[in-house]
Structures are given as structure tokens and as C-alpha cells.
Amino acid sequence: MNRVTQFLAISALVALAALAVSFRKPFTKESAQQVRDALDRAETMVTLSQYEEAVGYGFEALHKAEEMSGEEARRLVCEAHTVLSRVYLQAIQDSLAWVHACEAEQMAVREHNDSLLATALFLKGQVCSYAGVSKETSRDDEAMEYTQRALAIAEKDGYENIATSARYQLSEIFVNKNRWNVELDRDLYERAGYWLERAEESDPEAPSIRSMRYHFRYLRQGNRTEESIDYCNRMLDLAPEENHLLRQQMQDHLTNMYLQTGQYAKAAESHQAFSYEMQRFIRQKEDKVMQELQMMYEVELKDKQIRLRTGLVALLVVLLLVALAAVYMFIRFNRKISLQNRKIKHISKSRELLFAAIASDLKDPELESIQNEDVLAFIRKWPEMSEEEIARESAVLTEGEDALDPAVAKYVSELMLSRKKALSRVGLSDREREIIALSKEGLTDKQIAERLFLSPRTVSNHKQHIYGKLDVKSNSEMLKKIQEMGL
């Protein structure tokens, strides 16, 4: 392309631009008011959740502003872009909201209008904040960057309304950064609380629906359920009757929180209110087929949640009853085991006495394993006891905590009585019993004589008398015989 052609093309473009400008209407107060009225209607439709109408009024304002010339007209164009960005944000159309926020930012930079620039940056921060539907798609860092830039401009130039909104948004961003964490990050949570506190301090309207909404999210993330419930109810008191979307959202939150705290009657009541507000919201949007399906789905979902929670509570009650039954059975089983152990203990003690009773020698090793002193005393002194004393002592051993089995005690008593009678028939004297006891210790006649201060001959004579009474002929036979007799 030669220079002549380039010159002609540029001249044509300049002429077309001049022609376009010449066709623009001059800026007038009446036309500016029409633009502002359209923007106000768009804002009103947003509060009523009628987003199609809001978008229509927004574009009506944008086209009228673009038809006018002058600095004020460009400012109105920028305002129209910010309104459209907010409308699309509420309608959950983030890509369109981002386009109009960027348009507003570019125009504000060109016009050197810090107020609109701060608003546009704030809107870009909102779009990034709302875009994070998962941890992977989170754009919280971008949201923080744009919001902090908006806050810096607003604080520098004294735009308090924008600054307050930016502080609220920073609080929400830190809440959002915490939502993907399994455990609450206390540092992020404290920073969210810091910006929330600063925003409420600078908000002349607080407490308002806006401030309570941010506060509610902050409290609920911190598991401060009772305070969250209080904020929800306060928001319902302040919410306009025609704002059914906000009211059904609050009733939805209340239903979930009442379920969490076990207030099932209130949960059911909030769920009914949620269903009512959802129905009103659907009618308000005038999309009957889709809205009724959506309402049925939401209501059925909540019903399932309530049934599930109720079923879980019933299951917990059943498990508790099973646990109590298990504890009761364990206690009963433990008592049976204790009784069985006591029986075994009694049998063991009875066995001790039985072995001791049938032991033929008072120094028999079997006696060394017996720990019960009462049993030992009984075994060792029975030869000197009368028949009445033997019966009485054996009866005593069947009483008390360490009682012996009555059958064993009876057997021992009868055994000792029979031995007592056998000894009585033999007719051993006390001196003869002493000689027998010393003989069992392995002493010789001479040693026995020295122990009893007798002569060896006297000891020998005593032994001969013993041999005759026991019908034996030697010392070894005597020892064997008295062992058989249990002496």
C-alpha cells in the first residue's frame, strides 16, 4: 500500500469519526436524568431478583449515555457498565460481569475518575471472589489484589462508601480462603474478623442487611451456630417482604443450623418458610415450568435432609440402647465371673484342708504350701482336741468370706474324729506321744532321753509299751503305723 492510499484511508476514518460524533446528541440534564432513572430501575429489579428486566434497564441506560457526547456522558457510560456488572454478578453470569467491570475500569482510567476506578476494581474483585466454586478454580488471591487496590484509592480520596464495601469484601475473601481447609486456619479467620470489624466501624448503616450478611458468614465458619442463628433472624426482620430470594436463603440457612443444633421443630418450621419463600420467588420470576421443578427439587432435597437427620437420631438412640444393654450384660457376666472365682477360691482352700487332713506327718511338706493360719492351727492341734471341739472348729471353718466347702469340712471332721477314736482305743499316754513325736524327728533313744531328762533305759521301756499297743516290733514299723493313723 503506497502513501497516497494510506493517507486516503486515514482521512476516511477521521471523517467517519467526525460524522459519528456529529450525530451524537448533546448532553442535557433531561437526558442524563433519563439515564440515571434507568440505572435506578435496574438496581431495583436486582433487589427483586428480576434480572432480565434489570439487564434491560441497564442496557437502555448504556445506549442512551453512549448516544450523548461530553465528559458527563462518558461518566454515565462508565456507571452503566458498573451497574451491568453488578446485575450479571447477581444473575451468576460471571463472564459477562467481568466484561463490564473491565470496560468500566478502562473508561475510568481514561477519564482519570478515581471513584469509578475504585468501583470497577471492587467489582473485578467480586467476580474473582465469586468464581471460586472449587479449590482448583479459586481466584481469591486475584480478588484480594483488586479489592486492596480499590480500598487504597477509596481511602486516599475519601470515598468512604467504596472503602467500607472493600473492607467487607476483604473479610469475605479471607472467609473464602478458609472454606477449602479441612481444619479452620485461625490466622485467616482472625484476619477475616479484623476486616469485618473495620468495615462495621466505618459503616454508618450498620447493623444492616449487608453488614449482617458478612457477619453471618464469618460466624458460621467459626462454628458459632447460636450467634449465626441470631443474625439470620435479624436479617429476616430487616429484609423487605418482596425480596423472596434473600428470605428463602436465610430460611435455608436457618433450617440447616437448627438441624445441627438438634432443634428439629424449628428446623421443620424454617423449612416450611423456605418452601413458601421459594414459591413466591419462583412466581416473581414468572418461569413457571422450570421454577416449579426447581421448587419441588429444593423442597424434596430439604425433606430428605430432615428425614436423614431424623433417621440418624433414631439410629443413635438405638445404638445407645444397645450399648446400655451390652453394659448391663457385661456387669451381669462380671458378677458371675466373680462368684465363680469365689467358688474356685473356696474349693482351693478346701483342697488345702483336705490335703492337710490326710497328711500323715505334722511336718509333711504338704503343710508348707498352706497359707491359711486357721487351717494350719486346726490341723496341728486336733490330736489334743476333744470330739466336741473338732466338730465345733470344723463348723467355724464353713463361715465367713474364706469359708470352706461344707462337704469338705464335714469330711475332714469325720476323718479327724475317726482318727481320734483310733488313738483313744490305742491308749497312748502323754509321755508315749512325746517319745513318738521325737522319734519322728529322727532322734535316737539316747537323744530322746537327754531331751526328756530320762535314762536311755526308761525311753527303751516306753518304746516297748508303744510297740505293744500299736502291735509293731520295731521303731520303723512304729513310725509307719502312726503315719497311717494320721498322728
Protein backbone atom coordinates (compact mmCIF):
# COMPACT_ATOMS: atom_id res chain seq x y z
CA MET A 1 0.00 0.00 0.00
CA ASN A 2 1.55 3.36 -1.09
CA ARG A 3 1.49 6.57 0.90
CA VAL A 4 -1.36 8.08 -1.11
CA THR A 5 -3.60 5.11 -0.33
CA GLN A 6 -2.67 5.24 3.40
CA PHE A 7 -3.44 8.97 3.51
CA LEU A 8 -6.84 8.42 1.90
CA ALA A 9 -7.71 5.60 4.33
CA ILE A 10 -6.77 7.67 7.37
CA SER A 11 -8.72 10.65 6.06
CA ALA A 12 -11.79 8.44 5.58
CA LEU A 13 -11.56 7.09 9.15
CA VAL A 14 -11.25 10.63 10.58
CA ALA A 15 -14.22 11.74 8.52
CA LEU A 16 -16.32 8.78 9.74
CA ALA A 17 -15.36 9.51 13.37
CA ALA A 18 -16.26 13.16 12.96
CA LEU A 19 -19.54 12.14 11.35
CA ALA A 20 -20.33 9.78 14.23
CA VAL A 21 -19.60 12.48 16.78
CA SER A 22 -21.73 14.95 14.90
CA PHE A 23 -24.70 12.57 15.09
CA ARG A 24 -24.44 12.28 18.90
CA LYS A 25 -26.98 14.16 20.92
CA PRO A 26 -25.69 16.97 23.06
CA PHE A 27 -25.58 16.30 26.83
CA THR A 28 -28.64 17.68 28.63
CA LYS A 29 -29.88 17.40 32.19
CA GLU A 30 -33.11 15.76 30.99
CA SER A 31 -31.30 13.03 29.04
CA ALA A 32 -28.84 12.49 31.94
CA GLN A 33 -31.80 12.09 34.29
CA GLN A 34 -33.33 9.51 31.98
CA VAL A 35 -30.07 7.51 32.13
CA ARG A 36 -29.96 7.72 35.94
CA ASP A 37 -33.64 6.73 36.17
CA ALA A 38 -32.95 3.65 34.02
CA LEU A 39 -29.96 2.75 36.23
CA ASP A 40 -32.09 3.13 39.38
CA ARG A 41 -34.76 0.85 37.91
CA ALA A 42 -32.08 -1.69 37.08
CA GLU A 43 -30.89 -1.62 40.70
CA THR A 44 -34.46 -2.03 41.91
CA MET A 45 -35.05 -5.04 39.67
CA VAL A 46 -31.90 -6.65 41.10
CA THR A 47 -33.30 -6.42 44.64
CA LEU A 48 -36.46 -8.13 43.33
CA SER A 49 -34.33 -10.84 41.64
CA GLN A 50 -35.82 -9.87 38.25
CA TYR A 51 -32.52 -9.97 36.43
CA GLU A 52 -33.78 -9.93 32.84
CA GLU A 53 -35.61 -6.66 33.49
CA ALA A 54 -32.53 -5.32 35.32
CA VAL A 55 -30.31 -6.12 32.33
CA GLY A 56 -32.83 -4.44 30.01
CA TYR A 57 -32.82 -1.21 32.03
CA GLY A 58 -29.02 -1.35 32.29
CA PHE A 59 -28.55 -1.56 28.54
CA GLU A 60 -31.20 1.12 28.00
CA ALA A 61 -29.14 3.45 30.21
CA LEU A 62 -25.90 2.43 28.45
CA HIS A 63 -27.26 3.11 24.95
CA LYS A 64 -28.70 6.48 25.95
CA ALA A 65 -25.42 7.50 27.56
CA GLU A 66 -23.41 6.37 24.53
CA GLU A 67 -25.62 8.50 22.27
CA MET A 68 -24.57 11.61 24.16
CA SER A 69 -21.30 13.48 23.97
CA GLY A 70 -19.23 15.13 26.64
CA GLU A 71 -17.37 14.21 29.83
CA GLU A 72 -20.52 13.71 31.90
CA ALA A 73 -21.92 11.35 29.27
CA ARG A 74 -18.74 9.23 29.42
CA ARG A 75 -19.09 9.10 33.18
CA LEU A 76 -22.66 7.81 32.79
CA VAL A 77 -21.44 5.16 30.32
CA CYS A 78 -18.92 4.02 32.92
CA GLU A 79 -21.64 3.93 35.61
CA ALA A 80 -23.87 1.87 33.30
CA HIS A 81 -21.07 -0.68 32.88
CA THR A 82 -20.67 -0.94 36.69
CA VAL A 83 -24.43 -1.44 37.13
CA LEU A 84 -24.50 -4.12 34.42
CA SER A 85 -21.52 -5.83 36.08
CA ARG A 86 -23.42 -5.95 39.40
CA VAL A 87 -26.56 -7.26 37.69
CA TYR A 88 -24.68 -10.09 35.98
CA LEU A 89 -22.94 -10.92 39.25
CA GLN A 90 -26.30 -11.35 40.96
CA ALA A 91 -27.56 -13.38 37.98
CA ILE A 92 -24.49 -15.67 38.38
CA GLN A 93 -23.12 -14.80 34.94
CA ASP A 94 -19.54 -14.11 35.97
CA SER A 95 -18.05 -13.85 32.48
CA LEU A 96 -20.42 -11.02 31.46
CA ALA A 97 -19.92 -9.34 34.84
CA TRP A 98 -16.16 -9.43 34.23
CA VAL A 99 -16.50 -7.90 30.74
CA HIS A 100 -18.47 -4.89 32.00
CA ALA A 101 -16.18 -4.43 35.04
CA CYS A 102 -13.16 -4.32 32.70
CA GLU A 103 -14.95 -1.84 30.42
CA ALA A 104 -15.70 0.36 33.43
CA GLU A 105 -12.06 0.14 34.59
CA GLN A 106 -10.68 1.16 31.17
CA MET A 107 -13.04 4.11 30.88
CA ALA A 108 -12.30 5.25 34.45
CA VAL A 109 -8.56 5.17 33.73
CA ARG A 110 -9.04 7.19 30.52
CA GLU A 111 -11.23 9.73 32.31
CA HIS A 112 -8.96 9.84 35.39
CA ASN A 113 -12.01 9.18 37.55
CA ASP A 114 -10.78 7.54 40.76
CA SER A 115 -14.27 7.00 42.17
CA LEU A 116 -15.36 4.90 39.19
CA LEU A 117 -11.95 3.21 39.04
CA ALA A 118 -12.26 2.11 42.66
CA THR A 119 -15.79 0.83 41.95
CA ALA A 120 -14.64 -1.10 38.86
CA LEU A 121 -11.71 -2.68 40.74
CA PHE A 122 -14.05 -3.61 43.57
CA LEU A 123 -16.37 -5.31 41.04
CA LYS A 124 -13.47 -7.22 39.50
CA GLY A 125 -12.57 -8.39 42.98
CA GLN A 126 -16.15 -9.54 43.48
CA VAL A 127 -16.15 -11.51 40.22
CA CYS A 128 -12.90 -13.26 41.18
CA SER A 129 -14.23 -14.00 44.66
CA TYR A 130 -17.46 -15.50 43.35
CA ALA A 131 -15.68 -17.53 40.65
CA GLY A 132 -14.09 -19.95 43.13
CA VAL A 133 -16.55 -22.84 43.00
CA SER A 134 -13.78 -25.30 43.91
CA LYS A 135 -10.28 -25.24 45.33
CA GLU A 136 -8.83 -25.61 41.83
CA THR A 137 -10.81 -22.70 40.36
CA SER A 138 -10.32 -20.42 43.36
CA ARG A 139 -9.30 -16.85 42.41
CA ASP A 140 -9.20 -15.45 45.94
CA ASP A 141 -5.67 -14.06 45.53
CA GLU A 142 -6.76 -12.08 42.45
CA ALA A 143 -9.85 -10.94 44.29
CA MET A 144 -7.70 -9.71 47.18
CA GLU A 145 -5.38 -7.82 44.82
CA TYR A 146 -8.21 -5.94 43.07
CA THR A 147 -10.05 -5.23 46.33
CA GLN A 148 -6.93 -3.90 48.06
CA ARG A 149 -6.29 -1.60 45.10
CA ALA A 150 -9.88 -0.36 45.30
CA LEU A 151 -9.52 0.19 49.06
CA ALA A 152 -6.26 2.12 48.65
CA ILE A 153 -7.83 4.50 46.11
CA ALA A 154 -11.00 4.93 48.19
CA GLU A 155 -9.09 5.65 51.42
CA LYS A 156 -6.75 8.10 49.65
CA ASP A 157 -9.57 10.10 48.08
CA GLY A 158 -12.08 9.73 50.91
CA TYR A 159 -14.66 7.55 49.14
CA GLU A 160 -15.94 6.05 52.40
CA ASN A 161 -18.79 4.05 50.90
CA ILE A 162 -16.44 2.22 48.50
CA ALA A 163 -13.85 1.78 51.26
CA THR A 164 -16.43 0.20 53.56
CA SER A 165 -17.58 -2.16 50.81
CA ALA A 166 -13.96 -3.12 50.09
CA ARG A 167 -13.37 -3.91 53.79
CA TYR A 168 -16.43 -6.12 53.87
CA GLN A 169 -15.21 -7.85 50.73
CA LEU A 170 -11.74 -8.44 52.19
CA SER A 171 -13.39 -10.10 55.18
CA GLU A 172 -15.36 -12.35 52.84
CA ILE A 173 -12.24 -13.19 50.80
CA PHE A 174 -10.45 -14.43 53.93
CA VAL A 175 -13.55 -16.44 54.79
CA ASN A 176 -13.46 -17.90 51.25
CA LYS A 177 -9.76 -18.75 51.58
CA ASN A 178 -10.64 -20.83 54.64
CA ARG A 179 -13.54 -22.72 53.08
CA TRP A 180 -11.38 -25.39 51.42
CA ASN A 181 -9.41 -26.16 54.60
CA VAL A 182 -10.25 -29.34 56.49
CA GLU A 183 -9.36 -27.56 59.75
CA LEU A 184 -10.02 -23.88 60.29
CA ASP A 185 -6.93 -21.73 59.70
CA ARG A 186 -7.03 -19.46 62.74
CA ASP A 187 -4.80 -16.82 61.12
CA LEU A 188 -7.11 -16.46 58.10
CA TYR A 189 -10.14 -16.46 60.40
CA GLU A 190 -8.68 -13.68 62.58
CA ARG A 191 -7.85 -11.59 59.51
CA ALA A 192 -11.43 -12.02 58.29
CA GLY A 193 -12.64 -10.82 61.70
CA TYR A 194 -10.25 -7.84 61.58
CA TRP A 195 -11.60 -6.59 58.23
CA LEU A 196 -15.18 -7.25 59.29
CA GLU A 197 -14.68 -5.18 62.43
CA ARG A 198 -13.11 -2.32 60.43
CA ALA A 199 -15.94 -2.41 57.89
CA GLU A 200 -18.65 -2.26 60.57
CA GLU A 201 -16.86 0.61 62.32
CA SER A 202 -16.90 2.65 59.09
CA ASP A 203 -20.42 1.59 58.01
CA PRO A 204 -22.94 4.29 59.03
CA GLU A 205 -25.84 1.93 58.22
CA ALA A 206 -24.63 -0.97 60.38
CA PRO A 207 -26.30 -3.06 61.54
CA SER A 208 -27.90 -3.53 58.12
CA ILE A 209 -28.68 -6.49 55.91
CA ARG A 210 -25.33 -6.02 54.20
CA SER A 211 -23.28 -5.96 57.41
CA MET A 212 -25.25 -8.85 58.92
CA ARG A 213 -24.77 -10.97 55.83
CA TYR A 214 -21.00 -10.69 56.01
CA HIS A 215 -21.08 -11.18 59.78
CA PHE A 216 -23.28 -14.26 59.42
CA ARG A 217 -20.83 -15.98 57.08
CA TYR A 218 -17.95 -15.18 59.42
CA LEU A 219 -19.75 -16.53 62.50
CA ARG A 220 -20.96 -19.68 60.78
CA GLN A 221 -17.48 -20.57 59.54
CA GLY A 222 -16.27 -20.32 63.14
CA ASN A 223 -19.00 -22.81 64.26
CA ARG A 224 -20.66 -20.09 66.33
CA THR A 225 -24.04 -21.51 65.47
CA GLU A 226 -26.22 -19.78 68.06
CA GLU A 227 -24.88 -16.34 67.08
CA SER A 228 -25.35 -17.25 63.41
CA ILE A 229 -28.98 -18.15 64.09
CA ASP A 230 -29.49 -14.80 65.80
CA TYR A 231 -28.03 -12.91 62.81
CA CYS A 232 -30.17 -14.90 60.39
CA ASN A 233 -33.35 -13.99 62.28
CA ARG A 234 -32.32 -10.34 62.45
CA MET A 235 -31.75 -10.30 58.69
CA LEU A 236 -35.21 -11.75 58.15
CA ASP A 237 -36.66 -8.93 60.25
CA LEU A 238 -34.88 -6.33 58.09
CA ALA A 239 -35.36 -7.99 54.70
CA PRO A 240 -38.10 -6.46 52.51
CA GLU A 241 -41.15 -8.67 52.09
CA GLU A 242 -40.73 -8.65 48.30
CA ASN A 243 -37.10 -9.86 48.43
CA HIS A 244 -38.07 -13.54 48.39
CA LEU A 245 -34.66 -14.71 47.21
CA LEU A 246 -32.90 -13.29 50.27
CA ARG A 247 -35.62 -14.53 52.59
CA GLN A 248 -35.57 -18.09 51.23
CA GLN A 249 -31.76 -18.12 51.50
CA MET A 250 -31.97 -17.12 55.16
CA GLN A 251 -34.66 -19.72 55.87
CA ASP A 252 -32.47 -22.30 54.17
CA HIS A 253 -29.55 -21.38 56.44
CA LEU A 254 -31.80 -21.49 59.50
CA THR A 255 -33.07 -24.96 58.57
CA ASN A 256 -29.53 -26.33 58.38
CA MET A 257 -28.39 -24.65 61.60
CA TYR A 258 -31.45 -25.80 63.56
CA LEU A 259 -30.74 -29.33 62.34
CA GLN A 260 -27.14 -29.02 63.50
CA THR A 261 -28.23 -27.93 66.98
CA GLY A 262 -30.93 -30.60 67.25
CA GLN A 263 -33.86 -28.12 67.18
CA TYR A 264 -35.97 -30.22 64.84
CA ALA A 265 -39.27 -28.45 65.43
CA LYS A 266 -37.73 -25.11 64.49
CA ALA A 267 -35.95 -26.76 61.55
CA ALA A 268 -39.27 -28.02 60.22
CA GLU A 269 -40.82 -24.57 60.69
CA SER A 270 -37.93 -22.87 58.85
CA HIS A 271 -38.16 -25.44 56.09
CA GLN A 272 -41.86 -24.62 55.60
CA ALA A 273 -40.99 -20.91 55.46
CA PHE A 274 -38.21 -21.73 52.98
CA SER A 275 -40.68 -23.56 50.76
CA TYR A 276 -43.09 -20.63 50.91
CA GLU A 277 -40.41 -18.06 50.03
CA MET A 278 -39.10 -20.28 47.25
CA GLN A 279 -42.58 -20.50 45.77
CA ARG A 280 -43.04 -16.73 45.95
CA PHE A 281 -39.62 -16.22 44.37
CA ILE A 282 -40.47 -18.55 41.52
CA ARG A 283 -43.74 -16.75 40.85
CA GLN A 284 -41.85 -13.49 40.92
CA LYS A 285 -39.54 -14.69 38.16
CA GLU A 286 -42.55 -15.86 36.06
CA ASP A 287 -40.93 -19.01 34.74
CA LYS A 288 -43.50 -21.47 35.94
CA VAL A 289 -42.37 -24.81 34.49
CA MET A 290 -38.70 -24.55 35.43
CA GLN A 291 -39.47 -22.80 38.69
CA GLU A 292 -41.93 -25.43 39.87
CA LEU A 293 -39.42 -28.17 39.07
CA GLN A 294 -36.75 -26.27 40.93
CA MET A 295 -39.06 -25.71 43.89
CA MET A 296 -40.01 -29.39 44.01
CA TYR A 297 -36.36 -30.37 43.86
CA GLU A 298 -35.32 -27.97 46.61
CA VAL A 299 -38.21 -28.93 48.87
CA GLU A 300 -37.64 -32.65 48.29
CA LEU A 301 -33.93 -32.18 48.99
CA LYS A 302 -34.67 -30.48 52.29
CA ASP A 303 -37.22 -33.14 53.18
CA LYS A 304 -34.61 -35.81 52.54
CA GLN A 305 -32.13 -33.96 54.72
CA ILE A 306 -34.62 -33.73 57.57
CA ARG A 307 -35.54 -37.41 57.19
CA LEU A 308 -31.88 -38.32 57.11
CA ARG A 309 -31.14 -36.32 60.26
CA THR A 310 -34.18 -37.83 61.98
CA GLY A 311 -33.07 -41.31 60.93
CA LEU A 312 -29.58 -40.64 62.25
CA VAL A 313 -31.01 -39.54 65.58
CA ALA A 314 -33.13 -42.70 65.75
CA LEU A 315 -30.08 -44.78 64.89
CA LEU A 316 -28.07 -43.09 67.63
CA VAL A 317 -30.86 -43.81 70.13
CA VAL A 318 -30.90 -47.49 69.09
CA LEU A 319 -27.12 -47.68 69.37
CA LEU A 320 -27.31 -46.08 72.81
CA LEU A 321 -29.87 -48.66 73.94
CA VAL A 322 -27.71 -51.48 72.54
CA ALA A 323 -24.70 -50.03 74.36
CA LEU A 324 -26.66 -49.86 77.64
CA ALA A 325 -27.81 -53.46 77.15
CA ALA A 326 -24.21 -54.51 76.47
CA VAL A 327 -23.06 -52.75 79.65
CA TYR A 328 -25.80 -54.47 81.65
CA MET A 329 -24.86 -57.88 80.22
CA PHE A 330 -21.20 -57.18 80.93
CA ILE A 331 -21.98 -56.32 84.57
CA ARG A 332 -24.02 -59.49 84.95
CA PHE A 333 -21.30 -61.58 83.33
CA ASN A 334 -18.68 -59.93 85.54
CA ARG A 335 -20.72 -60.75 88.64
CA LYS A 336 -21.00 -64.38 87.53
CA ILE A 337 -17.26 -64.50 87.00
CA SER A 338 -16.71 -63.02 90.48
CA LEU A 339 -19.00 -65.62 92.04
CA GLN A 340 -17.25 -68.37 90.10
CA ASN A 341 -13.87 -67.07 91.25
CA ARG A 342 -15.06 -67.12 94.85
CA LYS A 343 -16.22 -70.70 94.42
CA ILE A 344 -12.87 -71.65 92.95
CA LYS A 345 -11.17 -69.92 95.86
CA HIS A 346 -13.29 -71.86 98.33
CA ILE A 347 -12.51 -75.12 96.52
CA SER A 348 -8.82 -74.26 96.64
CA LYS A 349 -8.95 -73.62 100.39
CA SER A 350 -10.97 -76.77 100.87
CA ARG A 351 -8.33 -78.68 98.92
CA GLU A 352 -5.66 -77.29 101.25
CA LEU A 353 -7.53 -78.56 104.27
CA LEU A 354 -8.21 -81.89 102.63
CA PHE A 355 -4.53 -82.45 101.84
CA ALA A 356 -3.56 -81.33 105.31
CA ALA A 357 -6.12 -83.58 106.96
CA ILE A 358 -4.96 -86.67 105.20
CA ALA A 359 -1.28 -85.83 105.69
CA SER A 360 0.27 -88.44 107.94
CA ASP A 361 3.06 -86.25 109.33
CA LEU A 362 2.64 -82.89 111.07
CA LYS A 363 5.84 -81.80 109.32
CA ASP A 364 4.78 -83.18 105.96
CA PRO A 365 5.86 -80.87 103.03
CA GLU A 366 2.19 -80.53 102.09
CA LEU A 367 1.70 -78.32 105.15
CA GLU A 368 4.31 -75.83 103.95
CA SER A 369 2.07 -74.76 100.99
CA ILE A 370 -0.88 -73.96 103.26
CA GLN A 371 -1.24 -70.18 103.80
CA ASN A 372 -4.45 -70.18 105.85
CA GLU A 373 -3.44 -69.88 109.52
CA ASP A 374 -6.83 -71.13 110.76
CA VAL A 375 -6.42 -74.30 108.73
CA LEU A 376 -2.87 -74.85 109.98
CA ALA A 377 -3.87 -74.33 113.61
CA PHE A 378 -6.77 -76.75 113.23
CA ILE A 379 -4.58 -79.45 111.65
CA ARG A 380 -1.80 -79.16 114.20
CA LYS A 381 -3.87 -79.24 117.39
CA TRP A 382 -6.62 -81.73 116.51
CA PRO A 383 -4.98 -84.66 118.36
CA GLU A 384 -5.28 -82.74 121.65
CA MET A 385 -8.84 -81.60 120.92
CA SER A 386 -11.96 -83.36 122.14
CA GLU A 387 -14.56 -84.71 119.73
CA GLU A 388 -16.86 -81.76 120.53
CA GLU A 389 -14.03 -79.27 119.84
CA ILE A 390 -13.26 -80.92 116.49
CA ALA A 391 -16.91 -80.67 115.40
CA ARG A 392 -17.16 -77.06 116.57
CA GLU A 393 -13.93 -75.92 114.85
CA SER A 394 -14.84 -77.60 111.55
CA ALA A 395 -18.23 -75.82 111.62
CA VAL A 396 -16.49 -72.44 112.11
CA LEU A 397 -14.38 -73.02 109.00
CA THR A 398 -17.52 -73.09 106.83
CA GLU A 399 -18.45 -69.50 107.76
CA GLY A 400 -17.23 -66.07 106.59
CA GLU A 401 -15.64 -64.81 103.37
CA ASP A 402 -12.92 -67.51 103.38
CA ALA A 403 -15.42 -70.28 104.17
CA LEU A 404 -14.65 -73.85 103.22
CA ASP A 405 -16.97 -76.06 101.31
CA PRO A 406 -19.32 -77.69 103.88
CA ALA A 407 -18.87 -81.13 102.32
CA VAL A 408 -15.08 -80.90 102.63
CA ALA A 409 -15.30 -79.59 106.19
CA LYS A 410 -17.64 -82.47 107.12
CA TYR A 411 -15.29 -84.99 105.52
CA VAL A 412 -12.28 -83.56 107.40
CA SER A 413 -14.20 -83.50 110.67
CA GLU A 414 -15.30 -87.13 110.28
CA LEU A 415 -11.77 -88.16 109.31
CA MET A 416 -10.27 -86.49 112.36
CA LEU A 417 -12.94 -87.93 114.65
CA SER A 418 -12.24 -91.42 113.36
CA ARG A 419 -8.53 -90.91 113.97
CA LYS A 420 -9.30 -89.52 117.41
CA LYS A 421 -11.27 -92.68 118.25
CA ALA A 422 -8.47 -94.88 116.90
CA LEU A 423 -5.97 -93.09 119.12
CA SER A 424 -8.29 -93.44 122.10
CA ARG A 425 -8.51 -97.19 121.55
CA VAL A 426 -4.73 -97.47 121.45
CA GLY A 427 -4.48 -95.59 124.76
CA LEU A 428 -1.15 -93.80 124.33
CA SER A 429 -0.03 -91.71 127.30
CA ASP A 430 1.29 -88.18 127.03
CA ARG A 431 4.86 -89.37 127.63
CA GLU A 432 4.48 -92.00 124.94
CA ARG A 433 3.21 -89.36 122.47
CA GLU A 434 6.23 -87.20 123.27
CA ILE A 435 8.57 -90.11 122.54
CA ILE A 436 6.71 -90.84 119.28
CA ALA A 437 6.97 -87.16 118.20
CA LEU A 438 10.73 -87.05 118.93
CA SER A 439 11.19 -90.36 117.12
CA LYS A 440 9.54 -88.81 114.06
CA GLU A 441 12.19 -86.11 114.20
CA GLY A 442 14.80 -88.90 113.81
CA LEU A 443 16.25 -88.77 117.32
CA THR A 444 17.87 -91.86 118.87
CA ASP A 445 16.86 -93.28 122.25
CA LYS A 446 19.84 -91.60 123.88
CA GLN A 447 18.97 -88.20 122.31
CA ILE A 448 15.32 -88.60 123.35
CA ALA A 449 16.47 -89.41 126.92
CA GLU A 450 18.57 -86.27 127.03
CA ARG A 451 15.70 -84.16 125.68
CA LEU A 452 13.20 -85.54 128.25
CA PHE A 453 15.72 -85.82 131.12
CA LEU A 454 15.21 -89.58 131.26
CA SER A 455 17.57 -92.51 131.15
CA PRO A 456 18.02 -94.39 127.87
CA ARG A 457 16.66 -97.50 129.52
CA THR A 458 13.42 -95.69 130.52
CA VAL A 459 13.00 -94.50 126.95
CA SER A 460 13.51 -98.05 125.69
CA ASN A 461 10.89 -99.35 128.13
CA HIS A 462 8.40 -96.71 126.92
CA LYS A 463 9.02 -97.76 123.35
CA GLN A 464 8.37 -101.40 124.19
CA HIS A 465 4.99 -100.38 125.66
CA ILE A 466 4.26 -98.40 122.49
CA TYR A 467 5.20 -101.38 120.31
CA GLY A 468 2.76 -103.50 122.19
CA LYS A 469 -0.10 -101.00 121.94
CA LEU A 470 0.47 -100.47 118.21
CA ASP A 471 1.16 -104.13 117.54
CA VAL A 472 4.56 -103.47 115.93
CA LYS A 473 8.06 -104.88 116.57
CA SER A 474 10.48 -102.10 115.62
CA ASN A 475 10.95 -98.34 115.55
CA SER A 476 10.45 -98.16 111.75
CA GLU A 477 7.20 -100.12 112.00
CA MET A 478 6.07 -97.77 114.77
CA LEU A 479 6.71 -94.70 112.61
CA LYS A 480 4.87 -96.25 109.66
CA LYS A 481 1.89 -97.17 111.86
CA ILE A 482 1.49 -93.70 113.42
CA GLN A 483 1.73 -92.18 109.91
CA GLU A 484 -1.19 -94.36 108.82
CA MET A 485 -3.13 -93.25 111.89
CA GLY A 486 -2.57 -89.56 110.96
CA LEU A 487 -0.86 -88.74 114.25
